[in-house]
Structure formats: C-alpha cells, structure tokens
Amino acid sequence: MTQGLREDLFVELFDNMLTLWEATDFTDCTTWFDRSQRVEAAFGVAEHRIDLTTMNYAVHRAIAPDASFDWPVRELVDRNEARQIFQANMMRVLMGAAGVWQMDNLEIARRYFV
C-alpha cells in the first residue's frame, strides 16, 4: 500500500499552514482550540481538502496547551509531533477509518504517501 509520508509535500503544507496561522487575526480567541477553529474558518470554503483540515489539526495538537500566545507559532509547534499526527490521520483517511468517503479527499490523501 504506502511506504511513508512524502516529506516534500508535508514540508510545503506545514509551512503554508504556519503562514496561515501567522496571518490570522486571533482577537477574542482564548484557547489554542479557538485559534485552530478561526484558522479553519479561513479555508472552510475549500471543499474536499482533507489535507488542510488534517494539517490544521496537527499544528493545533503539536502546540502545548499551556503555551503562551505571546510566542510565534513557528517556535511553539513541535514539527515531529505535527508530522506524526498528520501522517496517522491521513492514513486513517486512506483506510476509511476517518469517516471520509469523498473520492477527492481519498485522492488528496494518497498524494502524501510514496
């Protein structure tokens, strides 16, 4: 089936997601979850983009819950943890365990693996 995560695609999406986090206005967001929801709202109009949703989740989960909002997000996100979370969830999409059945999303998930 799959051998591993394509590092080139992961790095590109990871960097783009961090850029989106940096560009988002987090006024009135009191938790990291609130912030992730605000980021997701920014790309929520893009249908069938499971990679965006999954990477946003990975970034959110790879930040310590008690991390200060004063630090740049790029310094707070554990890249290796984000990679593990992203890879595990994309594999769930491929196996049908994530409740994602749209062919577009399955094709997107397949791209991330060699």
N, C-alpha and C. Protein backbone atom coordinates (compact mmCIF):
# COMPACT_ATOMS: atom_id res chain seq x y z
N MET A 1 0.84 -1.19 0.00
CA MET A 1 0.00 0.00 0.00
C MET A 1 0.88 1.25 0.00
N THR A 2 1.21 1.79 1.16
CA THR A 2 2.01 3.00 1.23
C THR A 2 3.30 2.71 1.98
N GLN A 3 4.34 3.44 1.65
CA GLN A 3 5.63 3.28 2.29
C GLN A 3 5.87 4.33 3.37
N GLY A 4 5.53 5.55 3.09
CA GLY A 4 5.76 6.61 4.06
C GLY A 4 5.28 7.95 3.55
N LEU A 5 5.33 8.88 4.43
CA LEU A 5 4.87 10.23 4.13
C LEU A 5 5.86 10.91 3.18
N ARG A 6 5.34 11.57 2.17
CA ARG A 6 6.19 12.35 1.26
C ARG A 6 6.62 13.62 1.97
N GLU A 7 7.88 13.68 2.31
CA GLU A 7 8.41 14.80 3.09
C GLU A 7 8.25 16.13 2.37
N ASP A 8 8.44 16.15 1.06
CA ASP A 8 8.35 17.40 0.31
C ASP A 8 6.95 18.01 0.42
N LEU A 9 5.93 17.18 0.28
CA LEU A 9 4.56 17.69 0.38
C LEU A 9 4.21 18.08 1.82
N PHE A 10 4.68 17.28 2.77
CA PHE A 10 4.44 17.61 4.17
C PHE A 10 5.06 18.97 4.51
N VAL A 11 6.32 19.16 4.16
CA VAL A 11 7.03 20.41 4.48
C VAL A 11 6.32 21.61 3.87
N GLU A 12 5.91 21.48 2.62
CA GLU A 12 5.23 22.59 1.95
C GLU A 12 3.91 22.93 2.63
N LEU A 13 3.10 21.92 2.92
CA LEU A 13 1.81 22.17 3.57
C LEU A 13 2.00 22.68 5.00
N PHE A 14 2.95 22.10 5.71
CA PHE A 14 3.24 22.53 7.08
C PHE A 14 3.62 24.01 7.10
N ASP A 15 4.52 24.41 6.22
CA ASP A 15 4.95 25.80 6.16
C ASP A 15 3.79 26.72 5.78
N ASN A 16 3.00 26.30 4.80
CA ASN A 16 1.84 27.11 4.40
C ASN A 16 0.83 27.26 5.53
N MET A 17 0.63 26.18 6.29
CA MET A 17 -0.33 26.25 7.40
C MET A 17 0.19 27.19 8.49
N LEU A 18 1.48 27.14 8.77
CA LEU A 18 2.04 28.05 9.77
C LEU A 18 1.93 29.50 9.31
N THR A 19 2.11 29.73 8.02
CA THR A 19 1.94 31.08 7.46
C THR A 19 0.50 31.54 7.64
N LEU A 20 -0.45 30.66 7.41
CA LEU A 20 -1.86 31.00 7.61
C LEU A 20 -2.14 31.31 9.08
N TRP A 21 -1.58 30.50 9.98
CA TRP A 21 -1.74 30.78 11.41
C TRP A 21 -1.18 32.16 11.74
N GLU A 22 -0.02 32.50 11.18
CA GLU A 22 0.60 33.79 11.47
C GLU A 22 -0.22 34.96 10.93
N ALA A 23 -0.94 34.73 9.85
CA ALA A 23 -1.70 35.81 9.20
C ALA A 23 -3.12 35.96 9.75
N THR A 24 -3.54 35.07 10.60
CA THR A 24 -4.91 35.07 11.10
C THR A 24 -5.06 36.01 12.30
N ASP A 25 -6.15 36.73 12.33
CA ASP A 25 -6.47 37.61 13.46
C ASP A 25 -7.13 36.77 14.55
N PHE A 26 -6.49 36.68 15.69
CA PHE A 26 -7.00 35.85 16.78
C PHE A 26 -7.67 36.66 17.89
N THR A 27 -8.16 37.83 17.55
CA THR A 27 -8.88 38.66 18.51
C THR A 27 -10.02 37.84 19.11
N ASP A 28 -10.15 37.87 20.41
CA ASP A 28 -11.20 37.17 21.17
C ASP A 28 -11.01 35.66 21.25
N CYS A 29 -9.91 35.12 20.76
CA CYS A 29 -9.63 33.69 20.90
C CYS A 29 -8.89 33.47 22.22
N THR A 30 -9.46 32.66 23.10
CA THR A 30 -8.86 32.48 24.42
C THR A 30 -8.15 31.15 24.60
N THR A 31 -8.29 30.24 23.64
CA THR A 31 -7.61 28.95 23.73
C THR A 31 -6.97 28.62 22.38
N TRP A 32 -6.07 27.63 22.39
CA TRP A 32 -5.47 27.17 21.14
C TRP A 32 -6.53 26.53 20.25
N PHE A 33 -7.52 25.89 20.86
CA PHE A 33 -8.61 25.31 20.08
C PHE A 33 -9.38 26.41 19.35
N ASP A 34 -9.69 27.50 20.06
CA ASP A 34 -10.37 28.64 19.43
C ASP A 34 -9.57 29.13 18.23
N ARG A 35 -8.27 29.21 18.40
CA ARG A 35 -7.41 29.67 17.31
C ARG A 35 -7.45 28.71 16.13
N SER A 36 -7.43 27.42 16.40
CA SER A 36 -7.47 26.45 15.29
C SER A 36 -8.81 26.55 14.54
N GLN A 37 -9.88 26.81 15.28
CA GLN A 37 -11.19 26.98 14.65
C GLN A 37 -11.22 28.23 13.77
N ARG A 38 -10.58 29.29 14.22
CA ARG A 38 -10.51 30.53 13.44
C ARG A 38 -9.72 30.29 12.15
N VAL A 39 -8.62 29.54 12.24
CA VAL A 39 -7.83 29.23 11.05
C VAL A 39 -8.66 28.37 10.09
N GLU A 40 -9.34 27.37 10.63
CA GLU A 40 -10.16 26.51 9.78
C GLU A 40 -11.26 27.30 9.08
N ALA A 41 -11.80 28.29 9.74
CA ALA A 41 -12.83 29.12 9.11
C ALA A 41 -12.26 29.86 7.90
N ALA A 42 -10.97 30.15 7.93
CA ALA A 42 -10.35 30.87 6.81
C ALA A 42 -10.32 30.04 5.54
N PHE A 43 -10.20 28.73 5.67
CA PHE A 43 -10.19 27.88 4.47
C PHE A 43 -11.41 26.98 4.42
N GLY A 44 -12.38 27.22 5.25
CA GLY A 44 -13.57 26.39 5.32
C GLY A 44 -14.37 26.32 4.03
N VAL A 45 -14.19 27.29 3.16
CA VAL A 45 -14.93 27.29 1.90
C VAL A 45 -14.31 26.32 0.89
N ALA A 46 -13.10 25.84 1.16
CA ALA A 46 -12.44 24.90 0.25
C ALA A 46 -12.94 23.49 0.55
N GLU A 47 -13.84 23.01 -0.29
CA GLU A 47 -14.39 21.67 -0.08
C GLU A 47 -13.39 20.62 -0.52
N HIS A 48 -13.51 19.47 0.10
CA HIS A 48 -12.70 18.31 -0.27
C HIS A 48 -11.21 18.61 -0.17
N ARG A 49 -10.81 19.21 0.92
CA ARG A 49 -9.40 19.47 1.18
C ARG A 49 -9.04 18.91 2.54
N ILE A 50 -9.12 17.61 2.64
CA ILE A 50 -8.84 16.94 3.90
C ILE A 50 -7.43 17.22 4.39
N ASP A 51 -6.51 17.53 3.48
CA ASP A 51 -5.14 17.81 3.90
C ASP A 51 -5.06 19.10 4.71
N LEU A 52 -5.84 20.10 4.34
CA LEU A 52 -5.85 21.36 5.09
C LEU A 52 -6.41 21.15 6.50
N THR A 53 -7.51 20.48 6.58
CA THR A 53 -8.14 20.21 7.87
C THR A 53 -7.22 19.38 8.76
N THR A 54 -6.62 18.38 8.17
CA THR A 54 -5.74 17.49 8.94
C THR A 54 -4.48 18.21 9.39
N MET A 55 -3.91 19.05 8.54
CA MET A 55 -2.70 19.78 8.94
C MET A 55 -3.04 20.82 10.00
N ASN A 56 -4.16 21.49 9.89
CA ASN A 56 -4.57 22.45 10.91
C ASN A 56 -4.70 21.74 12.26
N TYR A 57 -5.32 20.57 12.25
CA TYR A 57 -5.46 19.78 13.48
C TYR A 57 -4.08 19.40 14.02
N ALA A 58 -3.18 18.97 13.14
CA ALA A 58 -1.84 18.55 13.56
C ALA A 58 -1.08 19.72 14.19
N VAL A 59 -1.17 20.89 13.58
CA VAL A 59 -0.50 22.07 14.14
C VAL A 59 -1.07 22.39 15.51
N HIS A 60 -2.38 22.40 15.61
CA HIS A 60 -3.04 22.70 16.90
C HIS A 60 -2.61 21.72 17.98
N ARG A 61 -2.61 20.43 17.66
CA ARG A 61 -2.27 19.40 18.65
C ARG A 61 -0.78 19.36 18.98
N ALA A 62 0.06 19.92 18.11
CA ALA A 62 1.51 19.90 18.34
C ALA A 62 1.99 21.14 19.10
N ILE A 63 1.06 21.90 19.64
CA ILE A 63 1.38 23.05 20.49
C ILE A 63 0.95 22.68 21.91
N ALA A 64 1.82 22.90 22.86
CA ALA A 64 1.48 22.59 24.26
C ALA A 64 0.26 23.42 24.66
N PRO A 65 -0.73 22.80 25.31
CA PRO A 65 -1.96 23.51 25.68
C PRO A 65 -1.72 24.75 26.53
N ASP A 66 -0.64 24.75 27.30
CA ASP A 66 -0.36 25.90 28.17
C ASP A 66 0.65 26.87 27.56
N ALA A 67 0.94 26.71 26.28
CA ALA A 67 1.88 27.61 25.60
C ALA A 67 1.34 29.03 25.57
N SER A 68 2.24 29.96 25.70
CA SER A 68 1.86 31.38 25.70
C SER A 68 1.50 31.85 24.30
N PHE A 69 0.47 32.68 24.23
CA PHE A 69 0.08 33.28 22.95
C PHE A 69 1.10 34.31 22.48
N ASP A 70 2.00 34.71 23.36
CA ASP A 70 2.98 35.74 23.03
C ASP A 70 4.11 35.25 22.14
N TRP A 71 4.30 33.95 22.07
CA TRP A 71 5.39 33.38 21.27
C TRP A 71 4.93 33.15 19.84
N PRO A 72 5.84 33.28 18.87
CA PRO A 72 5.49 32.97 17.48
C PRO A 72 5.12 31.49 17.33
N VAL A 73 4.08 31.23 16.58
CA VAL A 73 3.58 29.86 16.44
C VAL A 73 4.67 28.93 15.88
N ARG A 74 5.53 29.43 15.03
CA ARG A 74 6.60 28.59 14.46
C ARG A 74 7.54 28.07 15.54
N GLU A 75 7.66 28.80 16.63
CA GLU A 75 8.53 28.36 17.72
C GLU A 75 7.80 27.42 18.68
N LEU A 76 6.50 27.40 18.62
CA LEU A 76 5.71 26.60 19.56
C LEU A 76 5.35 25.21 19.02
N VAL A 77 5.26 25.09 17.71
CA VAL A 77 4.82 23.82 17.11
C VAL A 77 5.97 22.84 17.07
N ASP A 78 5.75 21.66 17.61
CA ASP A 78 6.72 20.57 17.52
C ASP A 78 6.52 19.91 16.16
N ARG A 79 7.44 20.16 15.25
CA ARG A 79 7.32 19.68 13.87
C ARG A 79 7.20 18.16 13.78
N ASN A 80 7.98 17.45 14.57
CA ASN A 80 7.93 15.98 14.53
C ASN A 80 6.59 15.46 15.03
N GLU A 81 6.09 16.08 16.06
CA GLU A 81 4.77 15.68 16.57
C GLU A 81 3.69 15.98 15.53
N ALA A 82 3.78 17.16 14.90
CA ALA A 82 2.81 17.51 13.86
C ALA A 82 2.88 16.50 12.71
N ARG A 83 4.08 16.07 12.34
CA ARG A 83 4.24 15.09 11.27
C ARG A 83 3.57 13.77 11.65
N GLN A 84 3.80 13.32 12.87
CA GLN A 84 3.19 12.05 13.31
C GLN A 84 1.67 12.13 13.32
N ILE A 85 1.14 13.23 13.81
CA ILE A 85 -0.31 13.41 13.87
C ILE A 85 -0.88 13.47 12.46
N PHE A 86 -0.25 14.25 11.59
CA PHE A 86 -0.71 14.39 10.21
C PHE A 86 -0.67 13.03 9.50
N GLN A 87 0.44 12.33 9.62
CA GLN A 87 0.58 11.05 8.94
C GLN A 87 -0.45 10.03 9.44
N ALA A 88 -0.64 9.95 10.73
CA ALA A 88 -1.60 9.00 11.30
C ALA A 88 -3.02 9.30 10.82
N ASN A 89 -3.38 10.57 10.81
CA ASN A 89 -4.74 10.92 10.40
C ASN A 89 -4.95 10.77 8.89
N MET A 90 -3.94 11.05 8.10
CA MET A 90 -4.07 10.83 6.65
C MET A 90 -4.17 9.33 6.35
N MET A 91 -3.46 8.51 7.12
CA MET A 91 -3.59 7.05 6.94
C MET A 91 -5.01 6.60 7.30
N ARG A 92 -5.58 7.20 8.32
CA ARG A 92 -6.96 6.88 8.69
C ARG A 92 -7.92 7.21 7.54
N VAL A 93 -7.64 8.31 6.84
CA VAL A 93 -8.46 8.68 5.68
C VAL A 93 -8.34 7.58 4.62
N LEU A 94 -7.12 7.17 4.35
CA LEU A 94 -6.91 6.14 3.32
C LEU A 94 -7.58 4.82 3.68
N MET A 95 -7.58 4.48 4.95
CA MET A 95 -8.18 3.22 5.39
C MET A 95 -9.70 3.32 5.57
N GLY A 96 -10.24 4.50 5.41
CA GLY A 96 -11.67 4.67 5.57
C GLY A 96 -12.10 4.77 7.01
N ALA A 97 -11.15 4.91 7.92
CA ALA A 97 -11.48 4.94 9.34
C ALA A 97 -11.82 6.34 9.83
N ALA A 98 -11.66 7.34 8.98
CA ALA A 98 -11.90 8.72 9.39
C ALA A 98 -13.29 9.20 8.99
N GLY A 99 -14.10 8.34 8.42
CA GLY A 99 -15.44 8.73 8.00
C GLY A 99 -15.43 9.63 6.78
N VAL A 100 -14.34 9.59 6.02
CA VAL A 100 -14.21 10.41 4.81
C VAL A 100 -14.41 9.50 3.62
N TRP A 101 -15.43 9.78 2.85
CA TRP A 101 -15.74 8.87 1.73
C TRP A 101 -15.68 9.57 0.38
N GLN A 102 -15.46 10.87 0.36
CA GLN A 102 -15.41 11.57 -0.91
C GLN A 102 -14.13 11.17 -1.65
N MET A 103 -14.28 10.81 -2.90
CA MET A 103 -13.15 10.37 -3.71
C MET A 103 -12.07 11.46 -3.79
N ASP A 104 -12.47 12.72 -3.86
CA ASP A 104 -11.50 13.81 -3.91
C ASP A 104 -10.56 13.77 -2.71
N ASN A 105 -11.13 13.58 -1.53
CA ASN A 105 -10.31 13.54 -0.32
C ASN A 105 -9.41 12.32 -0.27
N LEU A 106 -9.90 11.20 -0.78
CA LEU A 106 -9.05 10.00 -0.82
C LEU A 106 -7.88 10.20 -1.77
N GLU A 107 -8.13 10.83 -2.89
CA GLU A 107 -7.04 11.12 -3.84
C GLU A 107 -6.04 12.10 -3.23
N ILE A 108 -6.51 13.09 -2.52
CA ILE A 108 -5.62 14.04 -1.86
C ILE A 108 -4.75 13.30 -0.86
N ALA A 109 -5.36 12.44 -0.06
CA ALA A 109 -4.60 11.68 0.95
C ALA A 109 -3.55 10.80 0.30
N ARG A 110 -3.88 10.16 -0.79
CA ARG A 110 -2.92 9.28 -1.49
C ARG A 110 -1.68 10.02 -1.95
N ARG A 111 -1.84 11.27 -2.34
CA ARG A 111 -0.70 12.07 -2.82
C ARG A 111 0.40 12.20 -1.78
N TYR A 112 0.05 12.16 -0.52
CA TYR A 112 1.01 12.40 0.55
C TYR A 112 1.87 11.19 0.92
N PHE A 113 1.65 10.08 0.22
CA PHE A 113 2.41 8.87 0.54
C PHE A 113 3.09 8.33 -0.70
N VAL A 114 4.27 7.74 -0.48
CA VAL A 114 5.01 7.12 -1.58
C VAL A 114 4.78 5.63 -1.56
